[in-house]
Amino acid sequence: MEPKPDYFTPIAMTTINTHPTIDELKDQIKKLNSKAGQMKMDLHDIAEGLPTDLDKLPEISARTYNIYCELRDLKQQLKILETNP
């Protein structure tokens, strides 16, 4: 009879980097800037087409808001890291 697997034993532990480097933050900001720009253009397109895509407006505006909040937070982190290396 085969032993039953122990599902509570972790297979591997990964290290989570809770303190990104300046270069990592710059890379994240660059990628997020691109996504944010696309979200802004999508939101603009929906606004121009109103009332046609009215149902899409809440979701797209919320996603756009969230991505810009994340971008703001990353830029604040970068500024802190650059002033206190």
N, C-alpha and C. Protein backbone atom coordinates (compact mmCIF):
# COMPACT_ATOMS: atom_id res chain seq x y z
N MET A 1 0.84 -1.18 0.00
CA MET A 1 0.00 0.00 0.00
C MET A 1 0.89 1.24 0.00
N GLU A 2 0.60 2.17 -0.91
CA GLU A 2 1.41 3.38 -1.02
C GLU A 2 1.05 4.36 0.08
N PRO A 3 2.04 5.08 0.57
CA PRO A 3 1.73 6.08 1.59
C PRO A 3 0.93 7.24 0.99
N LYS A 4 0.06 7.79 1.78
CA LYS A 4 -0.73 8.94 1.34
C LYS A 4 0.16 10.18 1.35
N PRO A 5 0.00 11.05 0.37
CA PRO A 5 0.81 12.27 0.36
C PRO A 5 0.40 13.19 1.50
N ASP A 6 1.38 13.89 2.01
CA ASP A 6 1.14 14.86 3.07
C ASP A 6 0.96 16.22 2.42
N TYR A 7 -0.27 16.68 2.29
CA TYR A 7 -0.56 17.93 1.60
C TYR A 7 -0.21 19.16 2.42
N PHE A 8 0.15 18.97 3.64
CA PHE A 8 0.47 20.11 4.49
C PHE A 8 1.97 20.41 4.53
N THR A 9 2.76 19.55 3.94
CA THR A 9 4.20 19.77 3.91
C THR A 9 4.53 20.57 2.65
N PRO A 10 5.14 21.74 2.80
CA PRO A 10 5.47 22.55 1.62
C PRO A 10 6.51 21.85 0.75
N ILE A 11 6.31 21.93 -0.55
CA ILE A 11 7.25 21.31 -1.48
C ILE A 11 8.51 22.14 -1.57
N ALA A 12 8.35 23.44 -1.70
CA ALA A 12 9.50 24.33 -1.81
C ALA A 12 9.13 25.68 -1.21
N MET A 13 10.06 26.28 -0.61
CA MET A 13 9.85 27.61 -0.07
C MET A 13 10.52 28.60 -1.02
N THR A 14 9.81 29.66 -1.34
CA THR A 14 10.39 30.68 -2.21
C THR A 14 10.67 31.92 -1.38
N THR A 15 11.68 32.62 -1.77
CA THR A 15 12.04 33.85 -1.09
C THR A 15 11.30 35.00 -1.75
N ILE A 16 10.63 35.78 -0.95
CA ILE A 16 9.90 36.93 -1.46
C ILE A 16 10.75 38.18 -1.18
N ASN A 17 11.02 38.91 -2.24
CA ASN A 17 11.81 40.13 -2.11
C ASN A 17 10.87 41.27 -1.71
N THR A 18 10.89 41.61 -0.42
CA THR A 18 10.00 42.66 0.07
C THR A 18 10.61 44.05 -0.12
N HIS A 19 11.89 44.10 -0.50
CA HIS A 19 12.56 45.38 -0.70
C HIS A 19 13.17 45.42 -2.10
N PRO A 20 12.39 45.86 -3.08
CA PRO A 20 12.92 45.90 -4.44
C PRO A 20 14.04 46.93 -4.57
N THR A 21 14.93 46.68 -5.50
CA THR A 21 16.01 47.62 -5.75
C THR A 21 15.49 48.79 -6.58
N ILE A 22 16.31 49.81 -6.69
CA ILE A 22 15.96 50.98 -7.50
C ILE A 22 15.72 50.57 -8.95
N ASP A 23 16.59 49.71 -9.48
CA ASP A 23 16.43 49.26 -10.87
C ASP A 23 15.15 48.45 -11.06
N GLU A 24 14.82 47.61 -10.08
CA GLU A 24 13.59 46.82 -10.17
C GLU A 24 12.36 47.73 -10.15
N LEU A 25 12.40 48.74 -9.30
CA LEU A 25 11.28 49.68 -9.25
C LEU A 25 11.15 50.46 -10.55
N LYS A 26 12.27 50.89 -11.10
CA LYS A 26 12.24 51.62 -12.37
C LYS A 26 11.66 50.74 -13.48
N ASP A 27 12.01 49.47 -13.48
CA ASP A 27 11.49 48.54 -14.48
C ASP A 27 9.98 48.35 -14.30
N GLN A 28 9.54 48.19 -13.05
CA GLN A 28 8.11 48.05 -12.77
C GLN A 28 7.35 49.29 -13.20
N ILE A 29 7.90 50.46 -12.91
CA ILE A 29 7.26 51.73 -13.26
C ILE A 29 7.15 51.86 -14.78
N LYS A 30 8.20 51.48 -15.48
CA LYS A 30 8.20 51.57 -16.94
C LYS A 30 7.09 50.69 -17.53
N LYS A 31 6.99 49.47 -17.04
CA LYS A 31 5.96 48.54 -17.53
C LYS A 31 4.56 49.03 -17.18
N LEU A 32 4.41 49.53 -15.95
CA LEU A 32 3.10 49.99 -15.51
C LEU A 32 2.70 51.27 -16.23
N ASN A 33 3.67 52.13 -16.54
CA ASN A 33 3.39 53.34 -17.31
C ASN A 33 2.78 53.00 -18.66
N SER A 34 3.31 51.96 -19.28
CA SER A 34 2.79 51.52 -20.57
C SER A 34 1.34 51.04 -20.44
N LYS A 35 1.08 50.22 -19.43
CA LYS A 35 -0.28 49.73 -19.19
C LYS A 35 -1.22 50.87 -18.85
N ALA A 36 -0.74 51.80 -18.03
CA ALA A 36 -1.58 52.94 -17.62
C ALA A 36 -1.94 53.80 -18.82
N GLY A 37 -0.99 54.01 -19.70
CA GLY A 37 -1.26 54.80 -20.90
C GLY A 37 -2.32 54.14 -21.77
N GLN A 38 -2.23 52.82 -21.90
CA GLN A 38 -3.23 52.09 -22.69
C GLN A 38 -4.60 52.17 -22.02
N MET A 39 -4.64 52.05 -20.70
CA MET A 39 -5.92 52.14 -19.98
C MET A 39 -6.53 53.53 -20.14
N LYS A 40 -5.68 54.54 -20.11
CA LYS A 40 -6.18 55.91 -20.28
C LYS A 40 -6.78 56.10 -21.67
N MET A 41 -6.13 55.52 -22.68
CA MET A 41 -6.66 55.63 -24.04
C MET A 41 -7.98 54.86 -24.17
N ASP A 42 -8.06 53.70 -23.53
CA ASP A 42 -9.31 52.92 -23.56
C ASP A 42 -10.44 53.70 -22.90
N LEU A 43 -10.14 54.32 -21.77
CA LEU A 43 -11.14 55.12 -21.07
C LEU A 43 -11.59 56.30 -21.93
N HIS A 44 -10.64 56.93 -22.60
CA HIS A 44 -10.96 58.05 -23.48
C HIS A 44 -11.86 57.61 -24.63
N ASP A 45 -11.55 56.44 -25.21
CA ASP A 45 -12.36 55.91 -26.31
C ASP A 45 -13.80 55.65 -25.86
N ILE A 46 -13.94 55.10 -24.66
CA ILE A 46 -15.29 54.84 -24.14
C ILE A 46 -16.03 56.15 -23.91
N ALA A 47 -15.33 57.13 -23.35
CA ALA A 47 -15.96 58.43 -23.09
C ALA A 47 -16.42 59.09 -24.38
N GLU A 48 -15.61 58.96 -25.43
CA GLU A 48 -15.99 59.55 -26.71
C GLU A 48 -17.21 58.86 -27.31
N GLY A 49 -17.38 57.56 -27.02
CA GLY A 49 -18.46 56.80 -27.61
C GLY A 49 -19.73 56.77 -26.78
N LEU A 50 -19.74 57.51 -25.67
CA LEU A 50 -20.94 57.50 -24.82
C LEU A 50 -22.13 58.03 -25.58
N PRO A 51 -23.27 57.51 -25.39
CA PRO A 51 -23.69 56.52 -24.39
C PRO A 51 -23.58 55.08 -24.86
N THR A 52 -22.94 54.85 -26.01
CA THR A 52 -22.89 53.50 -26.58
C THR A 52 -22.31 52.46 -25.63
N ASP A 53 -21.16 52.73 -25.04
CA ASP A 53 -20.49 51.76 -24.16
C ASP A 53 -20.64 52.12 -22.68
N LEU A 54 -21.76 52.63 -22.32
CA LEU A 54 -22.00 53.08 -20.94
C LEU A 54 -21.75 51.97 -19.93
N ASP A 55 -22.10 50.74 -20.26
CA ASP A 55 -21.93 49.62 -19.33
C ASP A 55 -20.47 49.30 -19.04
N LYS A 56 -19.58 49.64 -19.94
CA LYS A 56 -18.15 49.37 -19.77
C LYS A 56 -17.46 50.43 -18.90
N LEU A 57 -18.07 51.58 -18.78
CA LEU A 57 -17.44 52.72 -18.11
C LEU A 57 -17.04 52.44 -16.66
N PRO A 58 -17.89 51.87 -15.80
CA PRO A 58 -17.48 51.65 -14.40
C PRO A 58 -16.26 50.74 -14.27
N GLU A 59 -16.24 49.65 -15.02
CA GLU A 59 -15.12 48.71 -14.91
C GLU A 59 -13.82 49.33 -15.41
N ILE A 60 -13.86 49.94 -16.58
CA ILE A 60 -12.65 50.52 -17.15
C ILE A 60 -12.14 51.68 -16.31
N SER A 61 -13.05 52.50 -15.81
CA SER A 61 -12.60 53.63 -14.99
C SER A 61 -12.01 53.14 -13.66
N ALA A 62 -12.57 52.10 -13.08
CA ALA A 62 -12.02 51.55 -11.83
C ALA A 62 -10.64 50.94 -12.07
N ARG A 63 -10.48 50.21 -13.17
CA ARG A 63 -9.18 49.62 -13.49
C ARG A 63 -8.15 50.71 -13.76
N THR A 64 -8.56 51.76 -14.46
CA THR A 64 -7.66 52.88 -14.74
C THR A 64 -7.24 53.57 -13.45
N TYR A 65 -8.20 53.81 -12.58
CA TYR A 65 -7.92 54.43 -11.29
C TYR A 65 -6.92 53.58 -10.49
N ASN A 66 -7.17 52.28 -10.43
CA ASN A 66 -6.30 51.39 -9.65
C ASN A 66 -4.88 51.35 -10.19
N ILE A 67 -4.73 51.33 -11.51
CA ILE A 67 -3.40 51.25 -12.08
C ILE A 67 -2.62 52.55 -11.83
N TYR A 68 -3.33 53.69 -11.87
CA TYR A 68 -2.65 54.95 -11.59
C TYR A 68 -2.31 55.09 -10.10
N CYS A 69 -3.12 54.52 -9.23
CA CYS A 69 -2.78 54.50 -7.80
C CYS A 69 -1.54 53.66 -7.55
N GLU A 70 -1.48 52.51 -8.21
CA GLU A 70 -0.32 51.64 -8.08
C GLU A 70 0.93 52.33 -8.61
N LEU A 71 0.79 53.01 -9.73
CA LEU A 71 1.91 53.75 -10.31
C LEU A 71 2.39 54.86 -9.37
N ARG A 72 1.45 55.58 -8.79
CA ARG A 72 1.79 56.62 -7.82
C ARG A 72 2.57 56.04 -6.65
N ASP A 73 2.12 54.90 -6.13
CA ASP A 73 2.78 54.27 -4.98
C ASP A 73 4.18 53.80 -5.32
N LEU A 74 4.36 53.23 -6.51
CA LEU A 74 5.69 52.79 -6.93
C LEU A 74 6.63 53.98 -7.08
N LYS A 75 6.13 55.08 -7.62
CA LYS A 75 6.97 56.28 -7.77
C LYS A 75 7.37 56.84 -6.41
N GLN A 76 6.47 56.77 -5.44
CA GLN A 76 6.79 57.21 -4.09
C GLN A 76 7.87 56.33 -3.47
N GLN A 77 7.75 55.01 -3.68
CA GLN A 77 8.76 54.08 -3.19
C GLN A 77 10.13 54.38 -3.81
N LEU A 78 10.11 54.64 -5.11
CA LEU A 78 11.35 54.94 -5.82
C LEU A 78 11.98 56.22 -5.28
N LYS A 79 11.17 57.23 -5.05
CA LYS A 79 11.69 58.49 -4.54
C LYS A 79 12.33 58.29 -3.16
N ILE A 80 11.70 57.48 -2.33
CA ILE A 80 12.25 57.19 -1.00
C ILE A 80 13.57 56.45 -1.12
N LEU A 81 13.62 55.45 -1.99
CA LEU A 81 14.86 54.70 -2.17
C LEU A 81 15.98 55.56 -2.72
N GLU A 82 15.65 56.45 -3.64
CA GLU A 82 16.69 57.29 -4.23
C GLU A 82 17.22 58.33 -3.24
N THR A 83 16.40 58.77 -2.31
CA THR A 83 16.87 59.74 -1.33
C THR A 83 17.53 59.08 -0.13
N ASN A 84 17.21 57.81 0.12
CA ASN A 84 17.80 57.06 1.24
C ASN A 84 18.33 55.72 0.75
N PRO A 85 19.43 55.70 0.02
CA PRO A 85 19.93 54.42 -0.55
C PRO A 85 20.40 53.44 0.48
